[in-house]
Amino acid sequence: MQQAIMVLTNLPDLEVARALARSLVEQKLAACVNIFPGVQSVYRWQGVLEEAAEYTLSIKTTPARYAELELAIKRQHPYALPEVIALPIVAGSADYLNWIAEETNKDINV
């Protein structure tokens, strides 16, 4: 069974979220990206309490692709300090986890 991680980031609108999701999959940095609408975020930014409606991306990839994925998110993200956090996938369907590894293998042309 292959190792996989899920990376989360939030974006301000659907157009930006879709563009980033497509870019990550096209670059083989992610096997799949889910876009969750309707996320309400409450946070403190530069000393001010903020609230925002956002779209969360759930990005499935491998630990080997994380560094490049993080850079790609930061390059394309509209926020000055984007959330980029990785969570381990501790269990899952072996077939699905192997698919993630195949889809993010930069040495295989699709």
PDB file of N, CA and C in Angstrom:
ATOM      1  N   MET A   1       0.852  -1.187   0.000  1.00  0.00           N
ATOM      2  CA  MET A   1       0.000   0.000   0.000  1.00  0.00           C
ATOM      3  C   MET A   1       0.890   1.240   0.000  1.00  0.00           C
ATOM      4  N   GLN A   2       0.581   2.166  -0.888  1.00  0.00           N
ATOM      5  CA  GLN A   2       1.335   3.405  -1.020  1.00  0.00           C
ATOM      6  C   GLN A   2       0.986   4.392   0.085  1.00  0.00           C
ATOM      7  N   GLN A   3       1.939   5.265   0.428  1.00  0.00           N
ATOM      8  CA  GLN A   3       1.669   6.346   1.364  1.00  0.00           C
ATOM      9  C   GLN A   3       0.995   7.486   0.620  1.00  0.00           C
ATOM     10  N   ALA A   4       0.071   8.151   1.297  1.00  0.00           N
ATOM     11  CA  ALA A   4      -0.614   9.300   0.706  1.00  0.00           C
ATOM     12  C   ALA A   4      -0.893  10.318   1.803  1.00  0.00           C
ATOM     13  N   ILE A   5      -1.086  11.559   1.375  1.00  0.00           N
ATOM     14  CA  ILE A   5      -1.449  12.631   2.294  1.00  0.00           C
ATOM     15  C   ILE A   5      -2.593  13.426   1.690  1.00  0.00           C
ATOM     16  N   MET A   6      -3.293  14.149   2.550  1.00  0.00           N
ATOM     17  CA  MET A   6      -4.328  15.073   2.107  1.00  0.00           C
ATOM     18  C   MET A   6      -3.873  16.464   2.528  1.00  0.00           C
ATOM     19  N   VAL A   7      -3.837  17.371   1.572  1.00  0.00           N
ATOM     20  CA  VAL A   7      -3.414  18.740   1.825  1.00  0.00           C
ATOM     21  C   VAL A   7      -4.644  19.631   1.727  1.00  0.00           C
ATOM     22  N   LEU A   8      -4.767  20.563   2.673  1.00  0.00           N
ATOM     23  CA  LEU A   8      -5.906  21.474   2.696  1.00  0.00           C
ATOM     24  C   LEU A   8      -5.447  22.903   2.466  1.00  0.00           C
ATOM     25  N   THR A   9      -6.256  23.641   1.724  1.00  0.00           N
ATOM     26  CA  THR A   9      -6.079  25.076   1.572  1.00  0.00           C
ATOM     27  C   THR A   9      -7.440  25.686   1.309  1.00  0.00           C
ATOM     28  N   ASN A  10      -7.593  26.962   1.633  1.00  0.00           N
ATOM     29  CA  ASN A  10      -8.854  27.679   1.419  1.00  0.00           C
ATOM     30  C   ASN A  10      -8.649  28.806   0.425  1.00  0.00           C
ATOM     31  N   LEU A  11      -9.673  29.049  -0.389  1.00  0.00           N
ATOM     32  CA  LEU A  11      -9.612  30.085  -1.416  1.00  0.00           C
ATOM     33  C   LEU A  11     -10.847  30.967  -1.359  1.00  0.00           C
ATOM     34  N   PRO A  12     -10.736  32.195  -1.891  1.00  0.00           N
ATOM     35  CA  PRO A  12     -11.818  33.165  -1.719  1.00  0.00           C
ATOM     36  C   PRO A  12     -13.025  32.974  -2.635  1.00  0.00           C
ATOM     37  N   ASP A  13     -12.852  32.282  -3.782  1.00  0.00           N
ATOM     38  CA  ASP A  13     -14.004  32.118  -4.676  1.00  0.00           C
ATOM     39  C   ASP A  13     -13.847  30.866  -5.533  1.00  0.00           C
ATOM     40  N   LEU A  14     -14.946  30.478  -6.157  1.00  0.00           N
ATOM     41  CA  LEU A  14     -14.982  29.226  -6.910  1.00  0.00           C
ATOM     42  C   LEU A  14     -14.073  29.263  -8.130  1.00  0.00           C
ATOM     43  N   GLU A  15     -14.011  30.368  -8.816  1.00  0.00           N
ATOM     44  CA  GLU A  15     -13.172  30.467 -10.017  1.00  0.00           C
ATOM     45  C   GLU A  15     -11.699  30.212  -9.679  1.00  0.00           C
ATOM     46  N   VAL A  16     -11.221  30.841  -8.619  1.00  0.00           N
ATOM     47  CA  VAL A  16      -9.830  30.660  -8.191  1.00  0.00           C
ATOM     48  C   VAL A  16      -9.615  29.228  -7.704  1.00  0.00           C
ATOM     49  N   ALA A  17     -10.574  28.684  -6.982  1.00  0.00           N
ATOM     50  CA  ALA A  17     -10.466  27.313  -6.480  1.00  0.00           C
ATOM     51  C   ALA A  17     -10.384  26.317  -7.630  1.00  0.00           C
ATOM     52  N   ARG A  18     -11.243  26.468  -8.632  1.00  0.00           N
ATOM     53  CA  ARG A  18     -11.224  25.566  -9.790  1.00  0.00           C
ATOM     54  C   ARG A  18      -9.911  25.683 -10.555  1.00  0.00           C
ATOM     55  N   ALA A  19      -9.438  26.894 -10.742  1.00  0.00           N
ATOM     56  CA  ALA A  19      -8.189  27.095 -11.486  1.00  0.00           C
ATOM     57  C   ALA A  19      -7.018  26.423 -10.773  1.00  0.00           C
ATOM     58  N   LEU A  20      -6.936  26.577  -9.459  1.00  0.00           N
ATOM     59  CA  LEU A  20      -5.848  25.959  -8.719  1.00  0.00           C
ATOM     60  C   LEU A  20      -5.984  24.438  -8.749  1.00  0.00           C
ATOM     61  N   ALA A  21      -7.188  23.929  -8.551  1.00  0.00           N
ATOM     62  CA  ALA A  21      -7.409  22.475  -8.579  1.00  0.00           C
ATOM     63  C   ALA A  21      -6.972  21.882  -9.913  1.00  0.00           C
ATOM     64  N   ARG A  22      -7.402  22.493 -11.006  1.00  0.00           N
ATOM     65  CA  ARG A  22      -7.026  21.996 -12.338  1.00  0.00           C
ATOM     66  C   ARG A  22      -5.516  22.029 -12.536  1.00  0.00           C
ATOM     67  N   SER A  23      -4.902  23.121 -12.136  1.00  0.00           N
ATOM     68  CA  SER A  23      -3.462  23.269 -12.304  1.00  0.00           C
ATOM     69  C   SER A  23      -2.699  22.188 -11.560  1.00  0.00           C
ATOM     70  N   LEU A  24      -3.100  21.901 -10.331  1.00  0.00           N
ATOM     71  CA  LEU A  24      -2.406  20.897  -9.527  1.00  0.00           C
ATOM     72  C   LEU A  24      -2.531  19.504 -10.137  1.00  0.00           C
ATOM     73  N   VAL A  25      -3.710  19.173 -10.654  1.00  0.00           N
ATOM     74  CA  VAL A  25      -3.901  17.863 -11.285  1.00  0.00           C
ATOM     75  C   VAL A  25      -3.146  17.801 -12.612  1.00  0.00           C
ATOM     76  N   GLU A  26      -3.202  18.873 -13.401  1.00  0.00           N
ATOM     77  CA  GLU A  26      -2.490  18.892 -14.686  1.00  0.00           C
ATOM     78  C   GLU A  26      -0.990  18.718 -14.495  1.00  0.00           C
ATOM     79  N   GLN A  27      -0.441  19.281 -13.424  1.00  0.00           N
ATOM     80  CA  GLN A  27       0.992  19.179 -13.147  1.00  0.00           C
ATOM     81  C   GLN A  27       1.367  17.867 -12.464  1.00  0.00           C
ATOM     82  N   LYS A  28       0.386  17.008 -12.220  1.00  0.00           N
ATOM     83  CA  LYS A  28       0.577  15.733 -11.530  1.00  0.00           C
ATOM     84  C   LYS A  28       1.065  15.921 -10.096  1.00  0.00           C
ATOM     85  N   LEU A  29       0.751  17.078  -9.518  1.00  0.00           N
ATOM     86  CA  LEU A  29       1.063  17.314  -8.111  1.00  0.00           C
ATOM     87  C   LEU A  29      -0.041  16.773  -7.226  1.00  0.00           C
ATOM     88  N   ALA A  30      -1.204  16.520  -7.797  1.00  0.00           N
ATOM     89  CA  ALA A  30      -2.348  15.956  -7.078  1.00  0.00           C
ATOM     90  C   ALA A  30      -3.035  14.941  -7.975  1.00  0.00           C
ATOM     91  N   ALA A  31      -3.527  13.880  -7.355  1.00  0.00           N
ATOM     92  CA  ALA A  31      -4.313  12.896  -8.099  1.00  0.00           C
ATOM     93  C   ALA A  31      -5.755  13.362  -8.220  1.00  0.00           C
ATOM     94  N   CYS A  32      -6.225  14.028  -7.178  1.00  0.00           N
ATOM     95  CA  CYS A  32      -7.620  14.452  -7.105  1.00  0.00           C
ATOM     96  C   CYS A  32      -7.711  15.652  -6.173  1.00  0.00           C
ATOM     97  N   VAL A  33      -8.572  16.587  -6.536  1.00  0.00           N
ATOM     98  CA  VAL A  33      -8.829  17.734  -5.672  1.00  0.00           C
ATOM     99  C   VAL A  33     -10.335  17.888  -5.539  1.00  0.00           C
ATOM    100  N   ASN A  34     -10.821  17.881  -4.311  1.00  0.00           N
ATOM    101  CA  ASN A  34     -12.233  18.139  -4.039  1.00  0.00           C
ATOM    102  C   ASN A  34     -12.377  19.592  -3.635  1.00  0.00           C
ATOM    103  N   ILE A  35     -13.442  20.232  -4.127  1.00  0.00           N
ATOM    104  CA  ILE A  35     -13.732  21.620  -3.787  1.00  0.00           C
ATOM    105  C   ILE A  35     -14.994  21.639  -2.937  1.00  0.00           C
ATOM    106  N   PHE A  36     -14.846  22.125  -1.704  1.00  0.00           N
ATOM    107  CA  PHE A  36     -15.971  22.223  -0.788  1.00  0.00           C
ATOM    108  C   PHE A  36     -16.416  23.682  -0.689  1.00  0.00           C
ATOM    109  N   PRO A  37     -17.635  23.987  -1.127  1.00  0.00           N
ATOM    110  CA  PRO A  37     -18.140  25.366  -1.011  1.00  0.00           C
ATOM    111  C   PRO A  37     -18.744  25.614   0.365  1.00  0.00           C
ATOM    112  N   GLY A  38     -18.998  26.877   0.640  1.00  0.00           N
ATOM    113  CA  GLY A  38     -19.765  27.231   1.832  1.00  0.00           C
ATOM    114  C   GLY A  38     -19.012  27.149   3.142  1.00  0.00           C
ATOM    115  N   VAL A  39     -17.696  27.193   3.108  1.00  0.00           N
ATOM    116  CA  VAL A  39     -16.911  27.159   4.332  1.00  0.00           C
ATOM    117  C   VAL A  39     -16.887  28.567   4.929  1.00  0.00           C
ATOM    118  N   GLN A  40     -17.170  28.664   6.196  1.00  0.00           N
ATOM    119  CA  GLN A  40     -17.105  29.948   6.901  1.00  0.00           C
ATOM    120  C   GLN A  40     -15.872  29.926   7.802  1.00  0.00           C
ATOM    121  N   SER A  41     -14.977  30.858   7.573  1.00  0.00           N
ATOM    122  CA  SER A  41     -13.741  30.923   8.355  1.00  0.00           C
ATOM    123  C   SER A  41     -13.765  32.128   9.287  1.00  0.00           C
ATOM    124  N   VAL A  42     -13.311  31.919  10.501  1.00  0.00           N
ATOM    125  CA  VAL A  42     -13.163  32.993  11.483  1.00  0.00           C
ATOM    126  C   VAL A  42     -11.708  32.941  11.936  1.00  0.00           C
ATOM    127  N   TYR A  43     -11.002  34.052  11.833  1.00  0.00           N
ATOM    128  CA  TYR A  43      -9.583  34.058  12.153  1.00  0.00           C
ATOM    129  C   TYR A  43      -9.131  35.478  12.494  1.00  0.00           C
ATOM    130  N   ARG A  44      -7.972  35.576  13.089  1.00  0.00           N
ATOM    131  CA  ARG A  44      -7.376  36.877  13.384  1.00  0.00           C
ATOM    132  C   ARG A  44      -6.266  37.105  12.363  1.00  0.00           C
ATOM    133  N   TRP A  45      -6.307  38.233  11.674  1.00  0.00           N
ATOM    134  CA  TRP A  45      -5.283  38.577  10.691  1.00  0.00           C
ATOM    135  C   TRP A  45      -4.795  39.985  10.976  1.00  0.00           C
ATOM    136  N   GLN A  46      -3.502  40.099  11.253  1.00  0.00           N
ATOM    137  CA  GLN A  46      -2.863  41.376  11.560  1.00  0.00           C
ATOM    138  C   GLN A  46      -3.614  42.123  12.662  1.00  0.00           C
ATOM    139  N   GLY A  47      -4.001  41.353  13.700  1.00  0.00           N
ATOM    140  CA  GLY A  47      -4.628  41.925  14.879  1.00  0.00           C
ATOM    141  C   GLY A  47      -6.113  42.191  14.772  1.00  0.00           C
ATOM    142  N   VAL A  48      -6.719  41.871  13.646  1.00  0.00           N
ATOM    143  CA  VAL A  48      -8.147  42.148  13.429  1.00  0.00           C
ATOM    144  C   VAL A  48      -8.893  40.828  13.273  1.00  0.00           C
ATOM    145  N   LEU A  49     -10.004  40.686  13.974  1.00  0.00           N
ATOM    146  CA  LEU A  49     -10.849  39.505  13.837  1.00  0.00           C
ATOM    147  C   LEU A  49     -11.570  39.574  12.498  1.00  0.00           C
ATOM    148  N   GLU A  50     -11.412  38.533  11.702  1.00  0.00           N
ATOM    149  CA  GLU A  50     -11.976  38.491  10.348  1.00  0.00           C
ATOM    150  C   GLU A  50     -12.942  37.320  10.218  1.00  0.00           C
ATOM    151  N   GLU A  51     -13.877  37.453   9.296  1.00  0.00           N
ATOM    152  CA  GLU A  51     -14.754  36.352   8.895  1.00  0.00           C
ATOM    153  C   GLU A  51     -14.818  36.354   7.379  1.00  0.00           C
ATOM    154  N   ALA A  52     -14.811  35.154   6.796  1.00  0.00           N
ATOM    155  CA  ALA A  52     -14.826  35.067   5.338  1.00  0.00           C
ATOM    156  C   ALA A  52     -15.537  33.800   4.886  1.00  0.00           C
ATOM    157  N   ALA A  53     -16.235  33.914   3.771  1.00  0.00           N
ATOM    158  CA  ALA A  53     -16.775  32.738   3.086  1.00  0.00           C
ATOM    159  C   ALA A  53     -15.683  32.245   2.145  1.00  0.00           C
ATOM    160  N   GLU A  54     -15.367  30.973   2.228  1.00  0.00           N
ATOM    161  CA  GLU A  54     -14.268  30.439   1.434  1.00  0.00           C
ATOM    162  C   GLU A  54     -14.641  29.090   0.826  1.00  0.00           C
ATOM    163  N   TYR A  55     -13.765  28.623  -0.044  1.00  0.00           N
ATOM    164  CA  TYR A  55     -13.854  27.300  -0.650  1.00  0.00           C
ATOM    165  C   TYR A  55     -12.634  26.518  -0.183  1.00  0.00           C
ATOM    166  N   THR A  56     -12.861  25.327   0.359  1.00  0.00           N
ATOM    167  CA  THR A  56     -11.761  24.487   0.824  1.00  0.00           C
ATOM    168  C   THR A  56     -11.406  23.479  -0.253  1.00  0.00           C
ATOM    169  N   LEU A  57     -10.106  23.356  -0.517  1.00  0.00           N
ATOM    170  CA  LEU A  57      -9.617  22.311  -1.407  1.00  0.00           C
ATOM    171  C   LEU A  57      -9.057  21.181  -0.557  1.00  0.00           C
ATOM    172  N   SER A  58      -9.484  19.968  -0.864  1.00  0.00           N
ATOM    173  CA  SER A  58      -8.946  18.751  -0.270  1.00  0.00           C
ATOM    174  C   SER A  58      -8.138  18.070  -1.374  1.00  0.00           C
ATOM    175  N   ILE A  59      -6.827  18.093  -1.220  1.00  0.00           N
ATOM    176  CA  ILE A  59      -5.900  17.686  -2.276  1.00  0.00           C
ATOM    177  C   ILE A  59      -5.248  16.364  -1.885  1.00  0.00           C
ATOM    178  N   LYS A  60      -5.402  15.348  -2.721  1.00  0.00           N
ATOM    179  CA  LYS A  60      -4.782  14.047  -2.448  1.00  0.00           C
ATOM    180  C   LYS A  60      -3.500  13.918  -3.256  1.00  0.00           C
ATOM    181  N   THR A  61      -2.404  13.600  -2.546  1.00  0.00           N
ATOM    182  CA  THR A  61      -1.096  13.486  -3.172  1.00  0.00           C
ATOM    183  C   THR A  61      -0.236  12.533  -2.357  1.00  0.00           C
ATOM    184  N   THR A  62       1.054  12.505  -2.655  1.00  0.00           N
ATOM    185  CA  THR A  62       1.988  11.670  -1.906  1.00  0.00           C
ATOM    186  C   THR A  62       2.988  12.561  -1.168  1.00  0.00           C
ATOM    187  N   PRO A  63       3.593  12.035  -0.110  1.00  0.00           N
ATOM    188  CA  PRO A  63       4.607  12.828   0.588  1.00  0.00           C
ATOM    189  C   PRO A  63       5.744  13.271  -0.336  1.00  0.00           C
ATOM    190  N   ALA A  64       6.081  12.453  -1.308  1.00  0.00           N
ATOM    191  CA  ALA A  64       7.168  12.789  -2.237  1.00  0.00           C
ATOM    192  C   ALA A  64       6.857  14.033  -3.072  1.00  0.00           C
ATOM    193  N   ARG A  65       5.598  14.334  -3.297  1.00  0.00           N
ATOM    194  CA  ARG A  65       5.198  15.478  -4.133  1.00  0.00           C
ATOM    195  C   ARG A  65       4.857  16.711  -3.302  1.00  0.00           C
ATOM    196  N   TYR A  66       4.900  16.589  -1.955  1.00  0.00           N
ATOM    197  CA  TYR A  66       4.437  17.689  -1.118  1.00  0.00           C
ATOM    198  C   TYR A  66       5.198  18.994  -1.336  1.00  0.00           C
ATOM    199  N   ALA A  67       6.507  18.958  -1.359  1.00  0.00           N
ATOM    200  CA  ALA A  67       7.294  20.205  -1.462  1.00  0.00           C
ATOM    201  C   ALA A  67       6.928  20.977  -2.736  1.00  0.00           C
ATOM    202  N   GLU A  68       6.844  20.274  -3.860  1.00  0.00           N
ATOM    203  CA  GLU A  68       6.474  20.927  -5.124  1.00  0.00           C
ATOM    204  C   GLU A  68       5.026  21.431  -5.076  1.00  0.00           C
ATOM    205  N   LEU A  69       4.157  20.648  -4.467  1.00  0.00           N
ATOM    206  CA  LEU A  69       2.756  21.036  -4.330  1.00  0.00           C
ATOM    207  C   LEU A  69       2.634  22.318  -3.516  1.00  0.00           C
ATOM    208  N   GLU A  70       3.329  22.387  -2.388  1.00  0.00           N
ATOM    209  CA  GLU A  70       3.275  23.578  -1.553  1.00  0.00           C
ATOM    210  C   GLU A  70       3.745  24.813  -2.332  1.00  0.00           C
ATOM    211  N   LEU A  71       4.838  24.675  -3.058  1.00  0.00           N
ATOM    212  CA  LEU A  71       5.332  25.800  -3.860  1.00  0.00           C
ATOM    213  C   LEU A  71       4.317  26.233  -4.908  1.00  0.00           C
ATOM    214  N   ALA A  72       3.689  25.268  -5.577  1.00  0.00           N
ATOM    215  CA  ALA A  72       2.690  25.591  -6.597  1.00  0.00           C
ATOM    216  C   ALA A  72       1.497  26.310  -5.994  1.00  0.00           C
ATOM    217  N   ILE A  73       1.052  25.865  -4.824  1.00  0.00           N
ATOM    218  CA  ILE A  73      -0.066  26.534  -4.154  1.00  0.00           C
ATOM    219  C   ILE A  73       0.322  27.970  -3.817  1.00  0.00           C
ATOM    220  N   LYS A  74       1.487  28.149  -3.229  1.00  0.00           N
ATOM    221  CA  LYS A  74       1.927  29.495  -2.832  1.00  0.00           C
ATOM    222  C   LYS A  74       2.082  30.417  -4.044  1.00  0.00           C
ATOM    223  N   ARG A  75       2.571  29.894  -5.163  1.00  0.00           N
ATOM    224  CA  ARG A  75       2.731  30.705  -6.379  1.00  0.00           C
ATOM    225  C   ARG A  75       1.392  31.177  -6.937  1.00  0.00           C
ATOM    226  N   GLN A  76       0.377  30.325  -6.854  1.00  0.00           N
ATOM    227  CA  GLN A  76      -0.899  30.616  -7.499  1.00  0.00           C
ATOM    228  C   GLN A  76      -1.958  31.172  -6.555  1.00  0.00           C
ATOM    229  N   HIS A  77      -1.692  31.160  -5.275  1.00  0.00           N
ATOM    230  CA  HIS A  77      -2.690  31.527  -4.269  1.00  0.00           C
ATOM    231  C   HIS A  77      -2.804  33.043  -4.138  1.00  0.00           C
ATOM    232  N   PRO A  78      -4.021  33.580  -4.032  1.00  0.00           N
ATOM    233  CA  PRO A  78      -4.174  35.030  -3.918  1.00  0.00           C
ATOM    234  C   PRO A  78      -3.912  35.594  -2.520  1.00  0.00           C
ATOM    235  N   TYR A  79      -3.860  34.756  -1.493  1.00  0.00           N
ATOM    236  CA  TYR A  79      -3.647  35.248  -0.134  1.00  0.00           C
ATOM    237  C   TYR A  79      -2.162  35.475   0.133  1.00  0.00           C
ATOM    238  N   ALA A  80      -1.854  36.451   0.969  1.00  0.00           N
ATOM    239  CA  ALA A  80      -0.470  36.717   1.365  1.00  0.00           C
ATOM    240  C   ALA A  80       0.099  35.552   2.167  1.00  0.00           C
ATOM    241  N   LEU A  81      -0.730  34.916   2.978  1.00  0.00           N
ATOM    242  CA  LEU A  81      -0.322  33.774   3.791  1.00  0.00           C
ATOM    243  C   LEU A  81      -1.361  32.671   3.659  1.00  0.00           C
ATOM    244  N   PRO A  82      -1.257  31.874   2.608  1.00  0.00           N
ATOM    245  CA  PRO A  82      -2.262  30.821   2.421  1.00  0.00           C
ATOM    246  C   PRO A  82      -2.085  29.674   3.420  1.00  0.00           C
ATOM    247  N   GLU A  83      -3.213  29.125   3.822  1.00  0.00           N
ATOM    248  CA  GLU A  83      -3.186  27.902   4.624  1.00  0.00           C
ATOM    249  C   GLU A  83      -2.746  26.764   3.715  1.00  0.00           C
ATOM    250  N   VAL A  84      -1.719  26.054   4.122  1.00  0.00           N
ATOM    251  CA  VAL A  84      -1.284  24.846   3.427  1.00  0.00           C
ATOM    252  C   VAL A  84      -0.891  23.869   4.521  1.00  0.00           C
ATOM    253  N   ILE A  85      -1.764  22.906   4.784  1.00  0.00           N
ATOM    254  CA  ILE A  85      -1.464  21.912   5.811  1.00  0.00           C
ATOM    255  C   ILE A  85      -1.653  20.519   5.232  1.00  0.00           C
ATOM    256  N   ALA A  86      -0.786  19.614   5.646  1.00  0.00           N
ATOM    257  CA  ALA A  86      -0.842  18.236   5.165  1.00  0.00           C
ATOM    258  C   ALA A  86      -1.218  17.316   6.314  1.00  0.00           C
ATOM    259  N   LEU A  87      -2.133  16.424   6.024  1.00  0.00           N
ATOM    260  CA  LEU A  87      -2.589  15.437   7.001  1.00  0.00           C
ATOM    261  C   LEU A  87      -2.259  14.046   6.466  1.00  0.00           C
ATOM    262  N   PRO A  88      -1.732  13.167   7.305  1.00  0.00           N
ATOM    263  CA  PRO A  88      -1.447  11.816   6.827  1.00  0.00           C
ATOM    264  C   PRO A  88      -2.741  11.042   6.604  1.00  0.00           C
ATOM    265  N   ILE A  89      -2.742  10.235   5.597  1.00  0.00           N
ATOM    266  CA  ILE A  89      -3.836   9.281   5.389  1.00  0.00           C
ATOM    267  C   ILE A  89      -3.322   7.980   6.001  1.00  0.00           C
ATOM    268  N   VAL A  90      -3.871   7.622   7.140  1.00  0.00           N
ATOM    269  CA  VAL A  90      -3.333   6.487   7.891  1.00  0.00           C
ATOM    270  C   VAL A  90      -3.889   5.147   7.422  1.00  0.00           C
ATOM    271  N   ALA A  91      -5.008   5.170   6.722  1.00  0.00           N
ATOM    272  CA  ALA A  91      -5.582   3.947   6.179  1.00  0.00           C
ATOM    273  C   ALA A  91      -6.495   4.321   5.025  1.00  0.00           C
ATOM    274  N   GLY A  92      -6.709   3.367   4.142  1.00  0.00           N
ATOM    275  CA  GLY A  92      -7.603   3.594   3.016  1.00  0.00           C
ATOM    276  C   GLY A  92      -7.550   2.413   2.075  1.00  0.00           C
ATOM    277  N   SER A  93      -8.385   2.452   1.087  1.00  0.00           N
ATOM    278  CA  SER A  93      -8.405   1.405   0.071  1.00  0.00           C
ATOM    279  C   SER A  93      -7.040   1.345  -0.614  1.00  0.00           C
ATOM    280  N   ALA A  94      -6.436   0.172  -0.612  1.00  0.00           N
ATOM    281  CA  ALA A  94      -5.125   0.020  -1.244  1.00  0.00           C
ATOM    282  C   ALA A  94      -5.181   0.414  -2.713  1.00  0.00           C
ATOM    283  N   ASP A  95      -6.269   0.051  -3.387  1.00  0.00           N
ATOM    284  CA  ASP A  95      -6.399   0.405  -4.804  1.00  0.00           C
ATOM    285  C   ASP A  95      -6.426   1.915  -4.993  1.00  0.00           C
ATOM    286  N   TYR A  96      -7.157   2.625  -4.132  1.00  0.00           N
ATOM    287  CA  TYR A  96      -7.246   4.085  -4.236  1.00  0.00           C
ATOM    288  C   TYR A  96      -5.902   4.734  -3.910  1.00  0.00           C
ATOM    289  N   LEU A  97      -5.237   4.273  -2.869  1.00  0.00           N
ATOM    290  CA  LEU A  97      -3.945   4.834  -2.499  1.00  0.00           C
ATOM    291  C   LEU A  97      -2.899   4.576  -3.574  1.00  0.00           C
ATOM    292  N   ASN A  98      -2.937   3.419  -4.205  1.00  0.00           N
ATOM    293  CA  ASN A  98      -2.036   3.127  -5.317  1.00  0.00           C
ATOM    294  C   ASN A  98      -2.340   4.037  -6.508  1.00  0.00           C
ATOM    295  N   TRP A  99      -3.620   4.315  -6.741  1.00  0.00           N
ATOM    296  CA  TRP A  99      -4.009   5.229  -7.822  1.00  0.00           C
ATOM    297  C   TRP A  99      -3.442   6.629  -7.575  1.00  0.00           C
ATOM    298  N   ILE A 100      -3.498   7.102  -6.335  1.00  0.00           N
ATOM    299  CA  ILE A 100      -2.916   8.411  -6.004  1.00  0.00           C
ATOM    300  C   ILE A 100      -1.432   8.408  -6.379  1.00  0.00           C
ATOM    301  N   ALA A 101      -0.725   7.362  -6.007  1.00  0.00           N
ATOM    302  CA  ALA A 101       0.707   7.270  -6.313  1.00  0.00           C
ATOM    303  C   ALA A 101       0.950   7.272  -7.818  1.00  0.00           C
ATOM    304  N   GLU A 102       0.141   6.537  -8.564  1.00  0.00           N
ATOM    305  CA  GLU A 102       0.300   6.485 -10.020  1.00  0.00           C
ATOM    306  C   GLU A 102       0.034   7.843 -10.665  1.00  0.00           C
ATOM    307  N   GLU A 103      -1.018   8.506 -10.226  1.00  0.00           N
ATOM    308  CA  GLU A 103      -1.402   9.780 -10.836  1.00  0.00           C
ATOM    309  C   GLU A 103      -0.457  10.931 -10.497  1.00  0.00           C
ATOM    310  N   THR A 104       0.325  10.781  -9.444  1.00  0.00           N
ATOM    311  CA  THR A 104       1.250  11.837  -9.063  1.00  0.00           C
ATOM    312  C   THR A 104       2.701  11.483  -9.375  1.00  0.00           C
ATOM    313  N   ASN A 105       2.899  10.381 -10.076  1.00  0.00           N
ATOM    314  CA  ASN A 105       4.238   9.973 -10.461  1.00  0.00           C
ATOM    315  C   ASN A 105       4.662  10.784 -11.678  1.00  0.00           C
ATOM    316  N   LYS A 106       5.562  11.725 -11.470  1.00  0.00           N
ATOM    317  CA  LYS A 106       5.959  12.632 -12.547  1.00  0.00           C
ATOM    318  C   LYS A 106       6.757  11.939 -13.646  1.00  0.00           C
ATOM    319  N   ASP A 107       7.196  10.701 -13.411  1.00  0.00           N
ATOM    320  CA  ASP A 107       7.965   9.986 -14.407  1.00  0.00           C
ATOM    321  C   ASP A 107       7.100   9.197 -15.392  1.00  0.00           C
ATOM    322  N   ILE A 108       5.781   9.163 -15.125  1.00  0.00           N
ATOM    323  CA  ILE A 108       4.867   8.436 -16.014  1.00  0.00           C
ATOM    324  C   ILE A 108       4.055   9.454 -16.798  1.00  0.00           C
ATOM    325  N   ASN A 109       4.107   9.368 -18.112  1.00  0.00           N
ATOM    326  CA  ASN A 109       3.315  10.248 -18.963  1.00  0.00           C
ATOM    327  C   ASN A 109       1.908   9.694 -19.125  1.00  0.00           C
ATOM    328  N   VAL A 110       0.936  10.554 -19.018  1.00  0.00           N
ATOM    329  CA  VAL A 110      -0.467  10.132 -19.169  1.00  0.00           C
ATOM    330  C   VAL A 110      -1.022  10.723 -20.432  1.00  0.00           C
TER     331      VAL A 110
END
